[in-house]
Protein backbone atom coordinates (compact mmCIF):
# COMPACT_ATOMS: atom_id res chain seq x y z
CA MET A 1 -13.88 -2.04 3.85
CA ASN A 2 -17.28 -2.99 2.50
CA PRO A 3 -16.93 -3.50 -1.29
CA GLU A 4 -20.56 -2.46 -1.73
CA ALA A 5 -20.18 0.80 0.20
CA PRO A 6 -19.86 4.05 -1.77
CA PHE A 7 -16.28 4.50 -2.91
CA PRO A 8 -15.01 8.07 -2.41
CA ARG A 9 -13.35 8.15 -5.84
CA LEU A 10 -13.81 5.34 -8.31
CA THR A 11 -10.98 6.46 -10.53
CA GLY A 12 -10.36 5.83 -14.17
CA SER A 13 -12.23 5.16 -17.38
CA ALA A 14 -13.72 2.02 -18.88
CA ASP A 15 -10.18 0.74 -19.58
CA VAL A 16 -8.38 1.72 -16.35
CA SER A 17 -9.92 1.99 -12.91
CA VAL A 18 -9.56 1.41 -9.18
CA ARG A 19 -12.16 -0.29 -6.99
CA PRO A 20 -12.40 -2.04 -3.63
CA ALA A 21 -11.01 -5.57 -3.79
CA ARG A 22 -13.43 -8.51 -3.82
CA PRO A 23 -12.77 -11.99 -2.39
CA GLU A 24 -12.47 -13.39 -5.92
CA ASP A 25 -9.57 -10.99 -6.57
CA ALA A 26 -7.38 -12.67 -3.94
CA ALA A 27 -5.50 -15.01 -6.31
CA GLU A 28 -4.70 -12.16 -8.70
CA VAL A 29 -3.57 -9.91 -5.83
CA ALA A 30 -1.22 -12.68 -4.64
CA ARG A 31 0.05 -13.16 -8.21
CA VAL A 32 0.75 -9.44 -8.65
CA GLN A 33 2.56 -9.46 -5.30
CA VAL A 34 4.94 -12.30 -6.09
CA VAL A 35 5.61 -11.22 -9.69
CA THR A 36 6.40 -7.68 -8.53
CA TRP A 37 8.57 -8.84 -5.63
CA ARG A 38 10.51 -11.26 -7.86
CA THR A 39 11.03 -8.58 -10.50
CA ALA A 40 11.63 -5.44 -8.46
CA TYR A 41 13.05 -6.76 -5.18
CA ARG A 42 15.14 -9.76 -6.23
CA ALA A 43 18.32 -8.07 -5.01
CA VAL A 44 16.77 -6.90 -1.72
CA LEU A 45 14.44 -9.56 -0.30
CA PRO A 46 15.72 -12.89 1.04
CA VAL A 47 15.87 -15.61 -1.63
CA ALA A 48 13.70 -17.90 0.50
CA VAL A 49 10.87 -15.35 0.57
CA LEU A 50 10.82 -15.23 -3.22
CA ASP A 51 11.61 -18.81 -4.15
CA ASP A 52 9.56 -20.58 -1.47
CA TRP A 53 6.41 -18.58 -2.28
CA ASP A 54 3.20 -20.41 -1.27
CA ALA A 55 0.57 -19.16 -3.72
CA ASP A 56 -2.30 -20.91 -1.91
CA ALA A 57 -1.35 -19.42 1.47
CA ALA A 58 -0.92 -15.95 -0.02
CA THR A 59 -4.29 -16.19 -1.77
CA ALA A 60 -5.98 -17.30 1.46
CA ALA A 61 -4.34 -14.42 3.38
CA TRP A 62 -5.52 -11.81 0.86
CA ARG A 63 -9.02 -13.29 0.75
CA HIS A 64 -9.15 -13.05 4.55
CA ALA A 65 -7.89 -9.44 4.44
CA VAL A 66 -10.70 -8.53 2.04
CA GLU A 67 -13.48 -10.52 3.73
CA SER A 68 -12.55 -9.91 7.39
CA PRO A 69 -10.46 -6.75 7.83
CA PRO A 70 -9.24 -6.37 11.44
CA THR A 71 -10.79 -2.89 11.79
CA PRO A 72 -13.14 -0.69 9.74
CA GLY A 73 -10.04 1.37 8.86
CA HIS A 74 -8.40 -1.52 6.98
CA GLY A 75 -8.98 -2.25 3.32
CA VAL A 76 -7.62 -3.40 -0.02
CA VAL A 77 -8.15 -1.75 -3.39
CA VAL A 78 -7.21 -3.04 -6.83
CA ALA A 79 -6.15 -1.33 -10.05
CA LEU A 80 -7.68 -2.71 -13.23
CA GLU A 81 -6.75 -2.52 -16.89
CA GLY A 82 -9.94 -3.67 -18.52
CA ARG A 83 -10.91 -6.61 -16.29
CA THR A 84 -7.33 -7.55 -15.41
CA VAL A 85 -6.01 -6.86 -11.90
CA VAL A 86 -2.69 -5.11 -12.52
CA GLY A 87 -1.96 -3.66 -9.08
CA PHE A 88 -3.26 -3.28 -5.56
CA ALA A 89 -2.87 -1.36 -2.34
CA ALA A 90 -3.60 -2.35 1.25
CA PHE A 91 -4.01 0.05 4.14
CA GLY A 92 -5.04 0.21 7.79
CA THR A 93 -4.84 2.13 11.02
CA ALA A 94 -1.25 3.14 11.77
CA GLU A 95 0.41 1.80 14.91
CA LEU A 96 2.82 3.96 16.87
CA THR A 97 6.49 3.02 16.75
CA PRO A 98 7.94 2.39 20.25
CA GLY A 99 8.68 5.77 21.82
CA GLU A 100 6.53 7.67 19.31
CA GLN A 101 3.81 10.12 20.32
CA PRO A 102 0.61 10.58 18.27
CA HIS A 103 1.09 13.03 15.41
CA PRO A 104 -0.20 16.54 16.20
CA ALA A 105 -2.12 16.66 12.91
CA GLY A 106 -4.47 13.92 14.10
CA PRO A 107 -5.12 10.22 13.42
CA SER A 108 -2.78 8.40 11.03
CA SER A 109 -3.44 5.60 8.55
CA GLU A 110 -0.76 3.37 7.06
CA LEU A 111 -0.35 2.23 3.49
CA SER A 112 1.07 -1.23 4.11
CA THR A 113 1.71 -2.00 0.45
CA LEU A 114 1.20 -0.54 -3.00
CA LEU A 115 2.33 -2.69 -5.92
CA VAL A 116 1.80 -2.53 -9.68
CA GLU A 117 2.89 -5.46 -11.81
CA PRO A 118 5.97 -4.22 -13.70
CA ARG A 119 4.61 -4.94 -17.18
CA TRP A 120 1.72 -2.57 -16.41
CA GLY A 121 3.96 0.17 -15.03
CA ARG A 122 4.06 3.81 -16.14
CA ARG A 123 0.35 3.87 -16.98
CA GLY A 124 -0.81 5.79 -13.92
CA HIS A 125 -2.01 2.77 -11.93
CA GLY A 126 0.19 3.58 -8.92
CA SER A 127 -1.04 7.17 -8.82
CA ARG A 128 -4.67 6.06 -9.09
CA LEU A 129 -4.21 3.53 -6.28
CA LEU A 130 -2.57 6.14 -4.05
CA ALA A 131 -5.32 8.68 -4.79
CA ALA A 132 -8.02 6.13 -3.99
CA VAL A 133 -6.42 5.11 -0.68
CA THR A 134 -5.97 8.78 0.23
CA ASP A 135 -9.67 9.45 -0.39
CA VAL A 136 -10.79 6.40 1.62
CA VAL A 137 -8.66 7.08 4.69
CA ARG A 138 -9.42 10.82 4.64
CA ALA A 139 -13.14 10.01 4.53
CA GLY A 140 -12.53 7.71 7.51
CA GLY A 141 -11.08 10.58 9.55
CA ALA A 142 -7.34 10.18 8.99
CA ALA A 143 -5.27 13.37 8.95
CA ARG A 144 -2.06 11.70 7.86
CA LEU A 145 -0.96 8.75 5.73
CA GLN A 146 2.35 6.92 6.17
CA THR A 147 4.21 4.01 4.61
CA TRP A 148 7.47 2.11 5.20
CA LEU A 149 9.90 1.77 2.29
CA LEU A 150 12.95 -0.45 2.02
CA GLU A 151 15.92 1.91 2.21
CA PRO A 152 17.45 0.71 -1.11
CA ASP A 153 14.12 1.15 -2.96
CA GLN A 154 14.82 4.41 -4.76
CA VAL A 155 12.12 3.79 -7.38
CA SER A 156 9.37 3.84 -4.75
CA ALA A 157 11.01 6.74 -2.91
CA SER A 158 11.01 8.78 -6.11
CA PHE A 159 7.35 7.95 -6.74
CA TYR A 160 6.24 9.08 -3.27
CA GLU A 161 8.45 12.16 -3.39
CA SER A 162 6.85 13.16 -6.71
CA THR A 163 3.43 13.12 -5.04
CA GLY A 164 4.49 15.34 -2.13
CA TRP A 165 5.50 12.73 0.43
CA ALA A 166 8.70 12.98 2.50
CA PRO A 167 10.60 10.89 5.09
CA ASP A 168 9.36 11.67 8.61
CA GLY A 169 12.57 10.76 10.47
CA TRP A 170 11.60 7.26 11.63
CA ALA A 171 13.42 4.08 10.55
CA ARG A 172 13.32 0.42 11.58
CA THR A 173 15.22 -2.78 10.93
CA LEU A 174 13.39 -5.96 9.98
CA ASP A 175 14.78 -9.33 11.01
CA THR A 176 14.10 -11.60 8.04
CA GLY A 177 16.03 -14.56 9.40
CA ALA A 178 18.78 -13.90 6.88
CA GLU A 179 20.01 -10.39 6.23
CA ALA A 180 18.47 -7.53 8.22
CA LEU A 181 16.46 -5.06 6.13
CA ARG A 182 16.27 -1.37 6.98
CA GLU A 183 13.08 0.57 6.24
CA VAL A 184 12.48 4.32 6.28
CA ARG A 185 9.05 5.79 6.97
CA TRP A 186 7.52 8.31 4.58
CA HIS A 187 4.37 10.36 5.17
CA THR A 188 2.02 13.02 3.90
CA LEU A 189 -0.62 15.19 5.55
CA LEU A 190 -4.09 14.83 4.07
CA ASP A 191 -5.45 18.29 4.84
CA ASP A 192 -3.76 21.28 3.24
CA GLU A 193 -4.61 23.36 6.33
CA ARG A 194 -2.40 21.03 8.39
CA ALA A 195 0.48 21.05 5.91
CA SER A 196 2.52 23.48 8.03
CA ILE A 197 2.64 20.98 10.92
CA PRO A 198 5.98 19.06 10.80
């Protein structure tokens, strides 16, 4: 996603906003990621993932994602409180799960992550990030948006459910090298005219 391209909905006011991520945001995106994972997912993610965090590698990976997205349909957006990065979301073209047929509504995009640093929670940042991603992928031709949630993550499930999302029947198990993690896929249709399609 070109940070200089017109953004479908630059949400917020002078104090809170969402914009496309810039390369210089990479360290803050990585910081928000590890702080959120260590706070919200300590009981779910493998200890090694949380305790052996490589901040430099994570920063480099996010900088690469911003500077060189794999397709035009990939991007990263950040939520700001003032000038502070307090959350982010990353998205891209959805890949079909083995045995899955393309959705009848049309092309799908995938929200690969949406995180808000816990101390900045309950201020609407998650909703603004989700709205911004929805606008971007809809403008890019997506008819549907999906995401994978860890099965024990009821906080995220409640958030998506409150915005009209629902599980779509697909699940997968991730091999983390320690304990297997089960994820459930949630989705929403982006065009109200398609909302009757299951």
